[in-house]
Amino acid sequence: MIFLIENPFNRFLQDNAIWIALSFAFLILLTIGIIFISGKKQTKAQKVDGQAFTMALGGKENIISCSAKGSRLTIALKDISLLDEGKLKSNGVLSLIKMTQKLILVVAGKAEGYLSYLR
């Protein structure tokens, strides 16, 4: 039993055990608080002009299909050359990924709110 051996370090631990335990508890609570507070920060959805958003995609007739999940909007387009990236970014699109006929948009806020403009 190493704790039965009398030495200065063991004596220090015995004398200050409550303060050491309280320090660890404080650090754990502080870490949990920081994680909780940083998780609350969310991007605020800006006001979107639905008609301008639809026209930036080439109009409703250019949209084949669309779906939303979280902050991502997946859109299949007939003609991707009609896309206006500048207007999309001014209407709440944070980033976009272009494929041959498919477009993935990362939007500010919930993507489900954008679906009403596209259908």
PDB file of N, CA and C in Angstrom:
ATOM      1  N   MET A   1       0.827  -1.177   0.000  1.00  0.00           N
ATOM      2  CA  MET A   1       0.000   0.000   0.000  1.00  0.00           C
ATOM      3  C   MET A   1       0.875   1.245   0.000  1.00  0.00           C
ATOM      4  N   ILE A   2       0.886   1.894  -1.138  1.00  0.00           N
ATOM      5  CA  ILE A   2       1.747   3.052  -1.299  1.00  0.00           C
ATOM      6  C   ILE A   2       1.251   4.255  -0.499  1.00  0.00           C
ATOM      7  N   PHE A   3      -0.050   4.301  -0.205  1.00  0.00           N
ATOM      8  CA  PHE A   3      -0.595   5.445   0.523  1.00  0.00           C
ATOM      9  C   PHE A   3      -0.259   5.414   2.010  1.00  0.00           C
ATOM     10  N   LEU A   4       0.188   4.272   2.491  1.00  0.00           N
ATOM     11  CA  LEU A   4       0.550   4.167   3.898  1.00  0.00           C
ATOM     12  C   LEU A   4       1.964   4.660   4.169  1.00  0.00           C
ATOM     13  N   ILE A   5       2.752   4.789   3.123  1.00  0.00           N
ATOM     14  CA  ILE A   5       4.117   5.282   3.277  1.00  0.00           C
ATOM     15  C   ILE A   5       4.046   6.791   3.508  1.00  0.00           C
ATOM     16  N   GLU A   6       4.703   7.255   4.530  1.00  0.00           N
ATOM     17  CA  GLU A   6       4.679   8.672   4.874  1.00  0.00           C
ATOM     18  C   GLU A   6       5.736   9.417   4.059  1.00  0.00           C
ATOM     19  N   ASN A   7       5.275  10.295   3.187  1.00  0.00           N
ATOM     20  CA  ASN A   7       6.183  11.173   2.452  1.00  0.00           C
ATOM     21  C   ASN A   7       5.477  12.505   2.244  1.00  0.00           C
ATOM     22  N   PRO A   8       6.202  13.534   1.866  1.00  0.00           N
ATOM     23  CA  PRO A   8       5.600  14.873   1.766  1.00  0.00           C
ATOM     24  C   PRO A   8       4.472  14.968   0.717  1.00  0.00           C
ATOM     25  N   PHE A   9       4.612  14.255  -0.387  1.00  0.00           N
ATOM     26  CA  PHE A   9       3.589  14.335  -1.419  1.00  0.00           C
ATOM     27  C   PHE A   9       2.282  13.718  -0.941  1.00  0.00           C
ATOM     28  N   ASN A  10       2.336  12.559  -0.315  1.00  0.00           N
ATOM     29  CA  ASN A  10       1.121  11.936   0.207  1.00  0.00           C
ATOM     30  C   ASN A  10       0.480  12.816   1.274  1.00  0.00           C
ATOM     31  N   ARG A  11       1.290  13.432   2.090  1.00  0.00           N
ATOM     32  CA  ARG A  11       0.769  14.327   3.128  1.00  0.00           C
ATOM     33  C   ARG A  11       0.070  15.540   2.493  1.00  0.00           C
ATOM     34  N   PHE A  12       0.664  16.078   1.422  1.00  0.00           N
ATOM     35  CA  PHE A  12       0.060  17.201   0.689  1.00  0.00           C
ATOM     36  C   PHE A  12      -1.297  16.795   0.129  1.00  0.00           C
ATOM     37  N   LEU A  13      -1.380  15.606  -0.484  1.00  0.00           N
ATOM     38  CA  LEU A  13      -2.640  15.129  -1.041  1.00  0.00           C
ATOM     39  C   LEU A  13      -3.700  14.961   0.041  1.00  0.00           C
ATOM     40  N   GLN A  14      -3.323  14.441   1.174  1.00  0.00           N
ATOM     41  CA  GLN A  14      -4.278  14.258   2.263  1.00  0.00           C
ATOM     42  C   GLN A  14      -4.769  15.597   2.800  1.00  0.00           C
ATOM     43  N   ASP A  15      -3.885  16.562   2.939  1.00  0.00           N
ATOM     44  CA  ASP A  15      -4.258  17.861   3.494  1.00  0.00           C
ATOM     45  C   ASP A  15      -5.105  18.699   2.526  1.00  0.00           C
ATOM     46  N   ASN A  16      -4.907  18.527   1.245  1.00  0.00           N
ATOM     47  CA  ASN A  16      -5.553  19.382   0.253  1.00  0.00           C
ATOM     48  C   ASN A  16      -6.501  18.627  -0.674  1.00  0.00           C
ATOM     49  N   ALA A  17      -6.958  17.462  -0.287  1.00  0.00           N
ATOM     50  CA  ALA A  17      -7.800  16.637  -1.156  1.00  0.00           C
ATOM     51  C   ALA A  17      -9.096  17.358  -1.539  1.00  0.00           C
ATOM     52  N   ILE A  18      -9.724  18.040  -0.611  1.00  0.00           N
ATOM     53  CA  ILE A  18     -10.985  18.719  -0.910  1.00  0.00           C
ATOM     54  C   ILE A  18     -10.786  19.831  -1.928  1.00  0.00           C
ATOM     55  N   TRP A  19      -9.685  20.592  -1.808  1.00  0.00           N
ATOM     56  CA  TRP A  19      -9.416  21.694  -2.743  1.00  0.00           C
ATOM     57  C   TRP A  19      -9.069  21.171  -4.137  1.00  0.00           C
ATOM     58  N   ILE A  20      -8.365  20.068  -4.184  1.00  0.00           N
ATOM     59  CA  ILE A  20      -8.038  19.460  -5.479  1.00  0.00           C
ATOM     60  C   ILE A  20      -9.307  18.960  -6.156  1.00  0.00           C
ATOM     61  N   ALA A  21     -10.194  18.312  -5.394  1.00  0.00           N
ATOM     62  CA  ALA A  21     -11.445  17.809  -5.953  1.00  0.00           C
ATOM     63  C   ALA A  21     -12.329  18.960  -6.418  1.00  0.00           C
ATOM     64  N   LEU A  22     -12.418  20.031  -5.623  1.00  0.00           N
ATOM     65  CA  LEU A  22     -13.204  21.201  -6.028  1.00  0.00           C
ATOM     66  C   LEU A  22     -12.633  21.873  -7.271  1.00  0.00           C
ATOM     67  N   SER A  23     -11.323  21.911  -7.398  1.00  0.00           N
ATOM     68  CA  SER A  23     -10.690  22.493  -8.587  1.00  0.00           C
ATOM     69  C   SER A  23     -11.040  21.696  -9.830  1.00  0.00           C
ATOM     70  N   PHE A  24     -10.972  20.362  -9.743  1.00  0.00           N
ATOM     71  CA  PHE A  24     -11.328  19.519 -10.890  1.00  0.00           C
ATOM     72  C   PHE A  24     -12.811  19.681 -11.236  1.00  0.00           C
ATOM     73  N   ALA A  25     -13.671  19.745 -10.231  1.00  0.00           N
ATOM     74  CA  ALA A  25     -15.098  19.917 -10.485  1.00  0.00           C
ATOM     75  C   ALA A  25     -15.356  21.264 -11.168  1.00  0.00           C
ATOM     76  N   PHE A  26     -14.676  22.315 -10.717  1.00  0.00           N
ATOM     77  CA  PHE A  26     -14.825  23.633 -11.331  1.00  0.00           C
ATOM     78  C   PHE A  26     -14.375  23.618 -12.787  1.00  0.00           C
ATOM     79  N   LEU A  27     -13.249  22.980 -13.074  1.00  0.00           N
ATOM     80  CA  LEU A  27     -12.757  22.907 -14.451  1.00  0.00           C
ATOM     81  C   LEU A  27     -13.715  22.132 -15.350  1.00  0.00           C
ATOM     82  N   ILE A  28     -14.300  21.069 -14.829  1.00  0.00           N
ATOM     83  CA  ILE A  28     -15.259  20.288 -15.607  1.00  0.00           C
ATOM     84  C   ILE A  28     -16.505  21.126 -15.898  1.00  0.00           C
ATOM     85  N   LEU A  29     -17.029  21.815 -14.892  1.00  0.00           N
ATOM     86  CA  LEU A  29     -18.204  22.667 -15.099  1.00  0.00           C
ATOM     87  C   LEU A  29     -17.907  23.827 -16.049  1.00  0.00           C
ATOM     88  N   LEU A  30     -16.726  24.398 -15.937  1.00  0.00           N
ATOM     89  CA  LEU A  30     -16.332  25.476 -16.833  1.00  0.00           C
ATOM     90  C   LEU A  30     -16.261  24.981 -18.277  1.00  0.00           C
ATOM     91  N   THR A  31     -15.697  23.803 -18.489  1.00  0.00           N
ATOM     92  CA  THR A  31     -15.608  23.220 -19.834  1.00  0.00           C
ATOM     93  C   THR A  31     -16.990  22.939 -20.401  1.00  0.00           C
ATOM     94  N   ILE A  32     -17.874  22.376 -19.598  1.00  0.00           N
ATOM     95  CA  ILE A  32     -19.244  22.098 -20.052  1.00  0.00           C
ATOM     96  C   ILE A  32     -19.967  23.404 -20.381  1.00  0.00           C
ATOM     97  N   GLY A  33     -19.764  24.432 -19.576  1.00  0.00           N
ATOM     98  CA  GLY A  33     -20.384  25.735 -19.844  1.00  0.00           C
ATOM     99  C   GLY A  33     -19.900  26.349 -21.144  1.00  0.00           C
ATOM    100  N   ILE A  34     -18.618  26.264 -21.412  1.00  0.00           N
ATOM    101  CA  ILE A  34     -18.065  26.807 -22.656  1.00  0.00           C
ATOM    102  C   ILE A  34     -18.614  26.048 -23.853  1.00  0.00           C
ATOM    103  N   ILE A  35     -18.702  24.743 -23.757  1.00  0.00           N
ATOM    104  CA  ILE A  35     -19.254  23.935 -24.848  1.00  0.00           C
ATOM    105  C   ILE A  35     -20.719  24.294 -25.066  1.00  0.00           C
ATOM    106  N   PHE A  36     -21.477  24.459 -23.995  1.00  0.00           N
ATOM    107  CA  PHE A  36     -22.900  24.799 -24.097  1.00  0.00           C
ATOM    108  C   PHE A  36     -23.093  26.159 -24.740  1.00  0.00           C
ATOM    109  N   ILE A  37     -22.317  27.147 -24.314  1.00  0.00           N
ATOM    110  CA  ILE A  37     -22.448  28.504 -24.854  1.00  0.00           C
ATOM    111  C   ILE A  37     -22.028  28.548 -26.317  1.00  0.00           C
ATOM    112  N   SER A  38     -20.950  27.866 -26.675  1.00  0.00           N
ATOM    113  CA  SER A  38     -20.504  27.906 -28.072  1.00  0.00           C
ATOM    114  C   SER A  38     -21.460  27.142 -28.982  1.00  0.00           C
ATOM    115  N   GLY A  39     -22.196  26.167 -28.457  1.00  0.00           N
ATOM    116  CA  GLY A  39     -23.172  25.437 -29.256  1.00  0.00           C
ATOM    117  C   GLY A  39     -24.405  26.258 -29.559  1.00  0.00           C
ATOM    118  N   LYS A  40     -24.660  27.300 -28.787  1.00  0.00           N
ATOM    119  CA  LYS A  40     -25.834  28.151 -28.984  1.00  0.00           C
ATOM    120  C   LYS A  40     -25.680  29.090 -30.171  1.00  0.00           C
ATOM    121  N   LYS A  41     -24.456  29.345 -30.604  1.00  0.00           N
ATOM    122  CA  LYS A  41     -24.236  30.272 -31.706  1.00  0.00           C
ATOM    123  C   LYS A  41     -24.694  29.629 -32.997  1.00  0.00           C
ATOM    124  N   GLN A  42     -25.658  30.237 -33.635  1.00  0.00           N
ATOM    125  CA  GLN A  42     -26.158  29.761 -34.913  1.00  0.00           C
ATOM    126  C   GLN A  42     -26.236  30.940 -35.857  1.00  0.00           C
ATOM    127  N   THR A  43     -26.069  30.624 -37.127  1.00  0.00           N
ATOM    128  CA  THR A  43     -26.191  31.696 -38.102  1.00  0.00           C
ATOM    129  C   THR A  43     -27.654  32.083 -38.221  1.00  0.00           C
ATOM    130  N   LYS A  44     -27.898  33.360 -38.221  1.00  0.00           N
ATOM    131  CA  LYS A  44     -29.268  33.848 -38.327  1.00  0.00           C
ATOM    132  C   LYS A  44     -29.666  33.890 -39.796  1.00  0.00           C
ATOM    133  N   ALA A  45     -30.845  33.402 -40.051  1.00  0.00           N
ATOM    134  CA  ALA A  45     -31.344  33.410 -41.424  1.00  0.00           C
ATOM    135  C   ALA A  45     -31.673  34.839 -41.828  1.00  0.00           C
ATOM    136  N   GLN A  46     -31.185  35.227 -42.982  1.00  0.00           N
ATOM    137  CA  GLN A  46     -31.493  36.568 -43.448  1.00  0.00           C
ATOM    138  C   GLN A  46     -32.757  36.529 -44.289  1.00  0.00           C
ATOM    139  N   LYS A  47     -33.315  37.694 -44.514  1.00  0.00           N
ATOM    140  CA  LYS A  47     -34.545  37.791 -45.291  1.00  0.00           C
ATOM    141  C   LYS A  47     -34.237  37.447 -46.744  1.00  0.00           C
ATOM    142  N   VAL A  48     -35.046  36.558 -47.299  1.00  0.00           N
ATOM    143  CA  VAL A  48     -34.820  36.061 -48.655  1.00  0.00           C
ATOM    144  C   VAL A  48     -35.951  36.535 -49.558  1.00  0.00           C
ATOM    145  N   ASP A  49     -35.564  37.044 -50.717  1.00  0.00           N
ATOM    146  CA  ASP A  49     -36.536  37.407 -51.747  1.00  0.00           C
ATOM    147  C   ASP A  49     -36.772  36.151 -52.587  1.00  0.00           C
ATOM    148  N   GLY A  50     -37.936  35.549 -52.412  1.00  0.00           N
ATOM    149  CA  GLY A  50     -38.238  34.270 -53.048  1.00  0.00           C
ATOM    150  C   GLY A  50     -38.188  34.320 -54.558  1.00  0.00           C
ATOM    151  N   GLN A  51     -38.694  35.395 -55.137  1.00  0.00           N
ATOM    152  CA  GLN A  51     -38.703  35.508 -56.594  1.00  0.00           C
ATOM    153  C   GLN A  51     -37.278  35.666 -57.125  1.00  0.00           C
ATOM    154  N   ALA A  52     -36.465  36.484 -56.463  1.00  0.00           N
ATOM    155  CA  ALA A  52     -35.076  36.675 -56.893  1.00  0.00           C
ATOM    156  C   ALA A  52     -34.285  35.381 -56.724  1.00  0.00           C
ATOM    157  N   PHE A  53     -34.580  34.644 -55.647  1.00  0.00           N
ATOM    158  CA  PHE A  53     -33.906  33.368 -55.411  1.00  0.00           C
ATOM    159  C   PHE A  53     -34.230  32.385 -56.532  1.00  0.00           C
ATOM    160  N   THR A  54     -35.509  32.302 -56.907  1.00  0.00           N
ATOM    161  CA  THR A  54     -35.934  31.399 -57.980  1.00  0.00           C
ATOM    162  C   THR A  54     -35.337  31.827 -59.320  1.00  0.00           C
ATOM    163  N   MET A  55     -35.316  33.121 -59.587  1.00  0.00           N
ATOM    164  CA  MET A  55     -34.753  33.613 -60.850  1.00  0.00           C
ATOM    165  C   MET A  55     -33.244  33.391 -60.916  1.00  0.00           C
ATOM    166  N   ALA A  56     -32.559  33.413 -59.771  1.00  0.00           N
ATOM    167  CA  ALA A  56     -31.117  33.147 -59.752  1.00  0.00           C
ATOM    168  C   ALA A  56     -30.816  31.708 -60.141  1.00  0.00           C
ATOM    169  N   LEU A  57     -31.806  30.834 -59.978  1.00  0.00           N
ATOM    170  CA  LEU A  57     -31.657  29.441 -60.391  1.00  0.00           C
ATOM    171  C   LEU A  57     -32.119  29.216 -61.832  1.00  0.00           C
ATOM    172  N   GLY A  58     -32.558  30.253 -62.503  1.00  0.00           N
ATOM    173  CA  GLY A  58     -33.011  30.128 -63.879  1.00  0.00           C
ATOM    174  C   GLY A  58     -34.515  30.041 -64.008  1.00  0.00           C
ATOM    175  N   GLY A  59     -35.245  30.300 -62.954  1.00  0.00           N
ATOM    176  CA  GLY A  59     -36.708  30.245 -62.977  1.00  0.00           C
ATOM    177  C   GLY A  59     -37.229  28.869 -62.590  1.00  0.00           C
ATOM    178  N   LYS A  60     -38.524  28.817 -62.286  1.00  0.00           N
ATOM    179  CA  LYS A  60     -39.135  27.552 -61.859  1.00  0.00           C
ATOM    180  C   LYS A  60     -39.094  26.493 -62.946  1.00  0.00           C
ATOM    181  N   GLU A  61     -39.155  26.925 -64.200  1.00  0.00           N
ATOM    182  CA  GLU A  61     -39.149  25.955 -65.300  1.00  0.00           C
ATOM    183  C   GLU A  61     -37.775  25.290 -65.473  1.00  0.00           C
ATOM    184  N   ASN A  62     -36.733  25.874 -64.883  1.00  0.00           N
ATOM    185  CA  ASN A  62     -35.387  25.297 -64.970  1.00  0.00           C
ATOM    186  C   ASN A  62     -35.143  24.259 -63.874  1.00  0.00           C
ATOM    187  N   ILE A  63     -36.014  24.197 -62.875  1.00  0.00           N
ATOM    188  CA  ILE A  63     -35.820  23.297 -61.735  1.00  0.00           C
ATOM    189  C   ILE A  63     -36.519  21.966 -62.016  1.00  0.00           C
ATOM    190  N   ILE A  64     -35.743  20.891 -61.984  1.00  0.00           N
ATOM    191  CA  ILE A  64     -36.294  19.551 -62.192  1.00  0.00           C
ATOM    192  C   ILE A  64     -36.814  18.993 -60.869  1.00  0.00           C
ATOM    193  N   SER A  65     -35.951  19.026 -59.850  1.00  0.00           N
ATOM    194  CA  SER A  65     -36.342  18.537 -58.523  1.00  0.00           C
ATOM    195  C   SER A  65     -35.533  19.264 -57.464  1.00  0.00           C
ATOM    196  N   CYS A  66     -36.052  19.236 -56.232  1.00  0.00           N
ATOM    197  CA  CYS A  66     -35.335  19.863 -55.126  1.00  0.00           C
ATOM    198  C   CYS A  66     -35.675  19.148 -53.828  1.00  0.00           C
ATOM    199  N   SER A  67     -34.689  19.113 -52.933  1.00  0.00           N
ATOM    200  CA  SER A  67     -34.894  18.511 -51.612  1.00  0.00           C
ATOM    201  C   SER A  67     -34.038  19.263 -50.604  1.00  0.00           C
ATOM    202  N   ALA A  68     -34.431  19.172 -49.344  1.00  0.00           N
ATOM    203  CA  ALA A  68     -33.723  19.891 -48.289  1.00  0.00           C
ATOM    204  C   ALA A  68     -33.419  18.965 -47.136  1.00  0.00           C
ATOM    205  N   LYS A  69     -32.261  19.179 -46.528  1.00  0.00           N
ATOM    206  CA  LYS A  69     -31.880  18.444 -45.325  1.00  0.00           C
ATOM    207  C   LYS A  69     -30.961  19.341 -44.506  1.00  0.00           C
ATOM    208  N   GLY A  70     -31.447  19.750 -43.350  1.00  0.00           N
ATOM    209  CA  GLY A  70     -30.660  20.630 -42.496  1.00  0.00           C
ATOM    210  C   GLY A  70     -30.474  21.983 -43.139  1.00  0.00           C
ATOM    211  N   SER A  71     -29.222  22.357 -43.384  1.00  0.00           N
ATOM    212  CA  SER A  71     -28.937  23.639 -44.029  1.00  0.00           C
ATOM    213  C   SER A  71     -28.512  23.443 -45.481  1.00  0.00           C
ATOM    214  N   ARG A  72     -28.750  22.244 -46.025  1.00  0.00           N
ATOM    215  CA  ARG A  72     -28.361  21.959 -47.408  1.00  0.00           C
ATOM    216  C   ARG A  72     -29.573  21.775 -48.308  1.00  0.00           C
ATOM    217  N   LEU A  73     -29.505  22.389 -49.441  1.00  0.00           N
ATOM    218  CA  LEU A  73     -30.569  22.331 -50.427  1.00  0.00           C
ATOM    219  C   LEU A  73     -29.989  21.704 -51.690  1.00  0.00           C
ATOM    220  N   THR A  74     -30.554  20.587 -52.127  1.00  0.00           N
ATOM    221  CA  THR A  74     -30.096  19.893 -53.325  1.00  0.00           C
ATOM    222  C   THR A  74     -31.099  20.151 -54.440  1.00  0.00           C
ATOM    223  N   ILE A  75     -30.607  20.658 -55.558  1.00  0.00           N
ATOM    224  CA  ILE A  75     -31.481  21.053 -56.662  1.00  0.00           C
ATOM    225  C   ILE A  75     -30.939  20.466 -57.958  1.00  0.00           C
ATOM    226  N   ALA A  76     -31.811  19.820 -58.723  1.00  0.00           N
ATOM    227  CA  ALA A  76     -31.464  19.344 -60.061  1.00  0.00           C
ATOM    228  C   ALA A  76     -31.996  20.360 -61.059  1.00  0.00           C
ATOM    229  N   LEU A  77     -31.120  20.822 -61.953  1.00  0.00           N
ATOM    230  CA  LEU A  77     -31.482  21.844 -62.924  1.00  0.00           C
ATOM    231  C   LEU A  77     -31.415  21.301 -64.348  1.00  0.00           C
ATOM    232  N   LYS A  78     -32.256  21.839 -65.219  1.00  0.00           N
ATOM    233  CA  LYS A  78     -32.210  21.484 -66.644  1.00  0.00           C
ATOM    234  C   LYS A  78     -30.977  22.086 -67.299  1.00  0.00           C
ATOM    235  N   ASP A  79     -30.755  23.381 -67.045  1.00  0.00           N
ATOM    236  CA  ASP A  79     -29.631  24.095 -67.655  1.00  0.00           C
ATOM    237  C   ASP A  79     -28.887  24.858 -66.564  1.00  0.00           C
ATOM    238  N   ILE A  80     -27.722  24.357 -66.183  1.00  0.00           N
ATOM    239  CA  ILE A  80     -26.970  24.966 -65.081  1.00  0.00           C
ATOM    240  C   ILE A  80     -26.318  26.281 -65.498  1.00  0.00           C
ATOM    241  N   SER A  81     -26.260  26.562 -66.808  1.00  0.00           N
ATOM    242  CA  SER A  81     -25.652  27.813 -67.272  1.00  0.00           C
ATOM    243  C   SER A  81     -26.525  29.032 -66.940  1.00  0.00           C
ATOM    244  N   LEU A  82     -27.798  28.809 -66.604  1.00  0.00           N
ATOM    245  CA  LEU A  82     -28.700  29.910 -66.227  1.00  0.00           C
ATOM    246  C   LEU A  82     -28.509  30.356 -64.772  1.00  0.00           C
ATOM    247  N   LEU A  83     -27.642  29.691 -64.066  1.00  0.00           N
ATOM    248  CA  LEU A  83     -27.397  29.952 -62.644  1.00  0.00           C
ATOM    249  C   LEU A  83     -26.695  31.294 -62.455  1.00  0.00           C
ATOM    250  N   ASP A  84     -27.156  32.091 -61.478  1.00  0.00           N
ATOM    251  CA  ASP A  84     -26.531  33.368 -61.130  1.00  0.00           C
ATOM    252  C   ASP A  84     -26.038  33.272 -59.683  1.00  0.00           C
ATOM    253  N   GLU A  85     -24.745  32.986 -59.522  1.00  0.00           N
ATOM    254  CA  GLU A  85     -24.168  32.764 -58.187  1.00  0.00           C
ATOM    255  C   GLU A  85     -24.214  34.011 -57.316  1.00  0.00           C
ATOM    256  N   GLY A  86     -24.021  35.164 -57.892  1.00  0.00           N
ATOM    257  CA  GLY A  86     -24.048  36.412 -57.128  1.00  0.00           C
ATOM    258  C   GLY A  86     -25.394  36.666 -56.477  1.00  0.00           C
ATOM    259  N   LYS A  87     -26.468  36.458 -57.225  1.00  0.00           N
ATOM    260  CA  LYS A  87     -27.807  36.651 -56.660  1.00  0.00           C
ATOM    261  C   LYS A  87     -28.114  35.609 -55.591  1.00  0.00           C
ATOM    262  N   LEU A  88     -27.621  34.379 -55.789  1.00  0.00           N
ATOM    263  CA  LEU A  88     -27.836  33.341 -54.768  1.00  0.00           C
ATOM    264  C   LEU A  88     -27.154  33.727 -53.464  1.00  0.00           C
ATOM    265  N   LYS A  89     -25.910  34.195 -53.557  1.00  0.00           N
ATOM    266  CA  LYS A  89     -25.169  34.571 -52.339  1.00  0.00           C
ATOM    267  C   LYS A  89     -25.805  35.755 -51.635  1.00  0.00           C
ATOM    268  N   SER A  90     -26.421  36.663 -52.392  1.00  0.00           N
ATOM    269  CA  SER A  90     -27.087  37.804 -51.758  1.00  0.00           C
ATOM    270  C   SER A  90     -28.432  37.402 -51.150  1.00  0.00           C
ATOM    271  N   ASN A  91     -28.907  36.202 -51.454  1.00  0.00           N
ATOM    272  CA  ASN A  91     -30.169  35.710 -50.900  1.00  0.00           C
ATOM    273  C   ASN A  91     -29.967  34.591 -49.882  1.00  0.00           C
ATOM    274  N   GLY A  92     -28.856  34.602 -49.180  1.00  0.00           N
ATOM    275  CA  GLY A  92     -28.681  33.692 -48.057  1.00  0.00           C
ATOM    276  C   GLY A  92     -27.920  32.418 -48.329  1.00  0.00           C
ATOM    277  N   VAL A  93     -27.354  32.238 -49.509  1.00  0.00           N
ATOM    278  CA  VAL A  93     -26.561  31.044 -49.806  1.00  0.00           C
ATOM    279  C   VAL A  93     -25.132  31.301 -49.326  1.00  0.00           C
ATOM    280  N   LEU A  94     -24.645  30.435 -48.436  1.00  0.00           N
ATOM    281  CA  LEU A  94     -23.294  30.595 -47.902  1.00  0.00           C
ATOM    282  C   LEU A  94     -22.251  30.017 -48.835  1.00  0.00           C
ATOM    283  N   SER A  95     -22.553  28.858 -49.426  1.00  0.00           N
ATOM    284  CA  SER A  95     -21.647  28.252 -50.400  1.00  0.00           C
ATOM    285  C   SER A  95     -22.441  27.331 -51.306  1.00  0.00           C
ATOM    286  N   LEU A  96     -21.840  26.987 -52.445  1.00  0.00           N
ATOM    287  CA  LEU A  96     -22.525  26.098 -53.371  1.00  0.00           C
ATOM    288  C   LEU A  96     -21.539  25.157 -54.041  1.00  0.00           C
ATOM    289  N   ILE A  97     -22.063  23.992 -54.394  1.00  0.00           N
ATOM    290  CA  ILE A  97     -21.282  22.977 -55.102  1.00  0.00           C
ATOM    291  C   ILE A  97     -22.016  22.700 -56.403  1.00  0.00           C
ATOM    292  N   LYS A  98     -21.324  22.928 -57.525  1.00  0.00           N
ATOM    293  CA  LYS A  98     -21.933  22.699 -58.834  1.00  0.00           C
ATOM    294  C   LYS A  98     -21.454  21.364 -59.390  1.00  0.00           C
ATOM    295  N   MET A  99     -22.398  20.597 -59.893  1.00  0.00           N
ATOM    296  CA  MET A  99     -22.099  19.375 -60.625  1.00  0.00           C
ATOM    297  C   MET A  99     -22.674  19.551 -62.032  1.00  0.00           C
ATOM    298  N   THR A 100     -22.718  18.487 -62.808  1.00  0.00           N
ATOM    299  CA  THR A 100     -23.182  18.600 -64.182  1.00  0.00           C
ATOM    300  C   THR A 100     -24.589  19.178 -64.262  1.00  0.00           C
ATOM    301  N   GLN A 101     -25.548  18.552 -63.636  1.00  0.00           N
ATOM    302  CA  GLN A 101     -26.937  19.034 -63.654  1.00  0.00           C
ATOM    303  C   GLN A 101     -27.493  19.200 -62.244  1.00  0.00           C
ATOM    304  N   LYS A 102     -26.646  19.074 -61.242  1.00  0.00           N
ATOM    305  CA  LYS A 102     -27.094  19.105 -59.855  1.00  0.00           C
ATOM    306  C   LYS A 102     -26.357  20.212 -59.116  1.00  0.00           C
ATOM    307  N   LEU A 103     -27.028  20.792 -58.157  1.00  0.00           N
ATOM    308  CA  LEU A 103     -26.481  21.896 -57.391  1.00  0.00           C
ATOM    309  C   LEU A 103     -26.775  21.654 -55.914  1.00  0.00           C
ATOM    310  N   ILE A 104     -25.768  21.809 -55.058  1.00  0.00           N
ATOM    311  CA  ILE A 104     -25.965  21.702 -53.611  1.00  0.00           C
ATOM    312  C   ILE A 104     -25.652  23.066 -53.011  1.00  0.00           C
ATOM    313  N   LEU A 105     -26.643  23.625 -52.331  1.00  0.00           N
ATOM    314  CA  LEU A 105     -26.504  24.942 -51.717  1.00  0.00           C
ATOM    315  C   LEU A 105     -26.478  24.802 -50.200  1.00  0.00           C
ATOM    316  N   VAL A 106     -25.539  25.469 -49.560  1.00  0.00           N
ATOM    317  CA  VAL A 106     -25.524  25.575 -48.106  1.00  0.00           C
ATOM    318  C   VAL A 106     -26.096  26.944 -47.782  1.00  0.00           C
ATOM    319  N   VAL A 107     -27.220  26.946 -47.071  1.00  0.00           N
ATOM    320  CA  VAL A 107     -27.937  28.197 -46.816  1.00  0.00           C
ATOM    321  C   VAL A 107     -27.872  28.575 -45.347  1.00  0.00           C
ATOM    322  N   ALA A 108     -28.100  29.845 -45.077  1.00  0.00           N
ATOM    323  CA  ALA A 108     -28.171  30.323 -43.700  1.00  0.00           C
ATOM    324  C   ALA A 108     -29.535  29.935 -43.150  1.00  0.00           C
ATOM    325  N   GLY A 109     -29.559  29.221 -42.054  1.00  0.00           N
ATOM    326  CA  GLY A 109     -30.825  28.786 -41.469  1.00  0.00           C
ATOM    327  C   GLY A 109     -31.242  27.431 -42.011  1.00  0.00           C
ATOM    328  N   LYS A 110     -32.527  27.156 -41.939  1.00  0.00           N
ATOM    329  CA  LYS A 110     -33.077  25.868 -42.375  1.00  0.00           C
ATOM    330  C   LYS A 110     -33.379  25.898 -43.873  1.00  0.00           C
ATOM    331  N   ALA A 111     -32.960  24.849 -44.559  1.00  0.00           N
ATOM    332  CA  ALA A 111     -33.170  24.773 -46.011  1.00  0.00           C
ATOM    333  C   ALA A 111     -34.633  24.523 -46.355  1.00  0.00           C
ATOM    334  N   GLU A 112     -35.406  23.969 -45.423  1.00  0.00           N
ATOM    335  CA  GLU A 112     -36.818  23.697 -45.701  1.00  0.00           C
ATOM    336  C   GLU A 112     -37.590  24.985 -46.025  1.00  0.00           C
ATOM    337  N   GLY A 113     -37.147  26.098 -45.452  1.00  0.00           N
ATOM    338  CA  GLY A 113     -37.794  27.373 -45.718  1.00  0.00           C
ATOM    339  C   GLY A 113     -37.634  27.825 -47.158  1.00  0.00           C
ATOM    340  N   TYR A 114     -36.587  27.380 -47.822  1.00  0.00           N
ATOM    341  CA  TYR A 114     -36.344  27.762 -49.212  1.00  0.00           C
ATOM    342  C   TYR A 114     -37.169  26.924 -50.192  1.00  0.00           C
ATOM    343  N   LEU A 115     -37.619  25.747 -49.767  1.00  0.00           N
ATOM    344  CA  LEU A 115     -38.365  24.876 -50.662  1.00  0.00           C
ATOM    345  C   LEU A 115     -39.671  25.495 -51.141  1.00  0.00           C
ATOM    346  N   SER A 116     -40.313  26.291 -50.309  1.00  0.00           N
ATOM    347  CA  SER A 116     -41.579  26.913 -50.699  1.00  0.00           C
ATOM    348  C   SER A 116     -41.417  27.849 -51.897  1.00  0.00           C
ATOM    349  N   TYR A 117     -40.235  28.428 -52.056  1.00  0.00           N
ATOM    350  CA  TYR A 117     -39.988  29.306 -53.197  1.00  0.00           C
ATOM    351  C   TYR A 117     -39.790  28.510 -54.489  1.00  0.00           C
ATOM    352  N   LEU A 118     -39.341  27.276 -54.354  1.00  0.00           N
ATOM    353  CA  LEU A 118     -38.955  26.493 -55.529  1.00  0.00           C
ATOM    354  C   LEU A 118     -40.060  25.593 -56.056  1.00  0.00           C
ATOM    355  N   ARG A 119     -41.091  25.373 -55.297  1.00  0.00           N
ATOM    356  CA  ARG A 119     -42.164  24.456 -55.734  1.00  0.00           C
ATOM    357  C   ARG A 119     -43.370  25.198 -56.204  1.00  0.00           C
TER     358      ARG A 119
END
